[in-house]
Amino acid sequence: YKTHSTSGNQNTIIGLSLNLLQISDHHEASILELGASESGEIKALSQIAEPTHGVITNIAPAHLEGFGSIDNIAN
């Protein structure tokens, strides 16, 4: 596939939007990174990106201030 992918660590609403603007007609697929620092962010980013597939690669205590616990991050 002629693939587009997220550049760097641009996984916020701004970074995701900038990456979506980079997709062109010659791309057959795109690998996008969605990140969250509080509850509901992945859902909001998914509504923007409209992915057909998803893979969770990491659940870690990186943003406990926004979630409160590792279990809340996983949820």
C-alpha atoms as a PDB file:
ATOM      1  CA  TYR A   1       0.000   0.000   0.000  1.00  0.00           C
ATOM      2  CA  LYS A   2       1.000   3.597  -0.552  1.00  0.00           C
ATOM      3  CA  THR A   3       0.797   4.589   3.090  1.00  0.00           C
ATOM      4  CA  HIS A   4       0.642   7.844   5.009  1.00  0.00           C
ATOM      5  CA  SER A   5       1.557   7.860   8.698  1.00  0.00           C
ATOM      6  CA  THR A   6       1.516  10.253  11.630  1.00  0.00           C
ATOM      7  CA  SER A   7       4.726  12.240  11.748  1.00  0.00           C
ATOM      8  CA  GLY A   8       6.352  12.480  15.156  1.00  0.00           C
ATOM      9  CA  ASN A   9       4.146  12.475  18.221  1.00  0.00           C
ATOM     10  CA  GLN A  10       1.241  14.448  16.765  1.00  0.00           C
ATOM     11  CA  ASN A  11      -1.612  12.644  18.494  1.00  0.00           C
ATOM     12  CA  THR A  12      -3.753  15.541  19.785  1.00  0.00           C
ATOM     13  CA  ILE A  13      -6.704  17.187  18.072  1.00  0.00           C
ATOM     14  CA  ILE A  14      -4.340  19.686  16.420  1.00  0.00           C
ATOM     15  CA  GLY A  15      -1.705  17.115  15.442  1.00  0.00           C
ATOM     16  CA  LEU A  16      -4.313  14.670  14.149  1.00  0.00           C
ATOM     17  CA  SER A  17      -5.946  17.407  12.085  1.00  0.00           C
ATOM     18  CA  LEU A  18      -2.595  18.433  10.593  1.00  0.00           C
ATOM     19  CA  ASN A  19      -1.856  14.817   9.696  1.00  0.00           C
ATOM     20  CA  LEU A  20      -5.255  14.324   8.083  1.00  0.00           C
ATOM     21  CA  LEU A  21      -4.530  17.341   5.871  1.00  0.00           C
ATOM     22  CA  GLN A  22      -1.388  15.577   4.623  1.00  0.00           C
ATOM     23  CA  ILE A  23      -3.329  12.640   3.177  1.00  0.00           C
ATOM     24  CA  SER A  24      -3.618  12.853  -0.595  1.00  0.00           C
ATOM     25  CA  ASP A  25      -5.297  10.909  -3.378  1.00  0.00           C
ATOM     26  CA  HIS A  26      -2.247   8.702  -3.949  1.00  0.00           C
ATOM     27  CA  HIS A  27      -2.380   7.308  -0.383  1.00  0.00           C
ATOM     28  CA  GLU A  28      -4.165   3.984  -0.071  1.00  0.00           C
ATOM     29  CA  ALA A  29      -3.991   3.796   3.728  1.00  0.00           C
ATOM     30  CA  SER A  30      -3.062   5.939   6.709  1.00  0.00           C
ATOM     31  CA  ILE A  31      -1.642   4.995  10.089  1.00  0.00           C
ATOM     32  CA  LEU A  32      -2.727   7.623  12.619  1.00  0.00           C
ATOM     33  CA  GLU A  33      -1.802   7.960  16.278  1.00  0.00           C
ATOM     34  CA  LEU A  34      -4.532   9.045  18.703  1.00  0.00           C
ATOM     35  CA  GLY A  35      -3.513  10.061  22.208  1.00  0.00           C
ATOM     36  CA  ALA A  36      -5.436  11.026  25.307  1.00  0.00           C
ATOM     37  CA  SER A  37      -4.737  13.012  28.434  1.00  0.00           C
ATOM     38  CA  GLU A  38      -8.304  12.879  29.750  1.00  0.00           C
ATOM     39  CA  SER A  39     -11.432  10.783  29.465  1.00  0.00           C
ATOM     40  CA  GLY A  40     -13.317  11.032  26.160  1.00  0.00           C
ATOM     41  CA  GLU A  41     -10.413  12.224  24.005  1.00  0.00           C
ATOM     42  CA  ILE A  42     -10.009   8.993  22.033  1.00  0.00           C
ATOM     43  CA  LYS A  43     -13.725   9.025  21.224  1.00  0.00           C
ATOM     44  CA  ALA A  44     -13.531  12.632  20.004  1.00  0.00           C
ATOM     45  CA  LEU A  45     -10.410  11.965  17.929  1.00  0.00           C
ATOM     46  CA  SER A  46     -12.018   8.825  16.460  1.00  0.00           C
ATOM     47  CA  GLN A  47     -15.019  10.861  15.376  1.00  0.00           C
ATOM     48  CA  ILE A  48     -12.632  13.144  13.470  1.00  0.00           C
ATOM     49  CA  ALA A  49     -10.406  10.422  11.983  1.00  0.00           C
ATOM     50  CA  GLU A  50     -13.183   7.864  11.328  1.00  0.00           C
ATOM     51  CA  PRO A  51     -10.826   4.859  11.520  1.00  0.00           C
ATOM     52  CA  THR A  52     -11.785   1.472  10.111  1.00  0.00           C
ATOM     53  CA  HIS A  53      -9.383  -0.394  12.423  1.00  0.00           C
ATOM     54  CA  GLY A  54      -7.741   0.285  15.761  1.00  0.00           C
ATOM     55  CA  VAL A  55      -4.860  -1.074  17.786  1.00  0.00           C
ATOM     56  CA  ILE A  56      -4.096  -0.183  21.400  1.00  0.00           C
ATOM     57  CA  THR A  57      -0.319  -0.204  21.726  1.00  0.00           C
ATOM     58  CA  ASN A  58       0.138   1.166  25.225  1.00  0.00           C
ATOM     59  CA  ILE A  59      -1.736   1.867  28.441  1.00  0.00           C
ATOM     60  CA  ALA A  60       0.603   3.522  30.926  1.00  0.00           C
ATOM     61  CA  PRO A  61       0.442   5.967  33.837  1.00  0.00           C
ATOM     62  CA  ALA A  62       1.668   8.853  31.682  1.00  0.00           C
ATOM     63  CA  HIS A  63      -1.371  11.104  32.227  1.00  0.00           C
ATOM     64  CA  LEU A  64      -2.674  10.171  35.651  1.00  0.00           C
ATOM     65  CA  GLU A  65      -3.497  13.818  36.393  1.00  0.00           C
ATOM     66  CA  GLY A  66      -6.224  13.688  33.714  1.00  0.00           C
ATOM     67  CA  PHE A  67      -7.478  10.196  34.491  1.00  0.00           C
ATOM     68  CA  GLY A  68      -6.812   9.547  38.166  1.00  0.00           C
ATOM     69  CA  SER A  69      -5.831   5.881  37.830  1.00  0.00           C
ATOM     70  CA  ILE A  70      -4.388   3.331  35.413  1.00  0.00           C
ATOM     71  CA  ASP A  71      -7.801   1.587  35.359  1.00  0.00           C
ATOM     72  CA  ASN A  72      -9.446   4.803  34.160  1.00  0.00           C
ATOM     73  CA  ILE A  73      -6.824   5.064  31.411  1.00  0.00           C
ATOM     74  CA  ALA A  74      -7.640   1.514  30.303  1.00  0.00           C
ATOM     75  CA  ASN A  75     -11.385   2.263  30.311  1.00  0.00           C
END
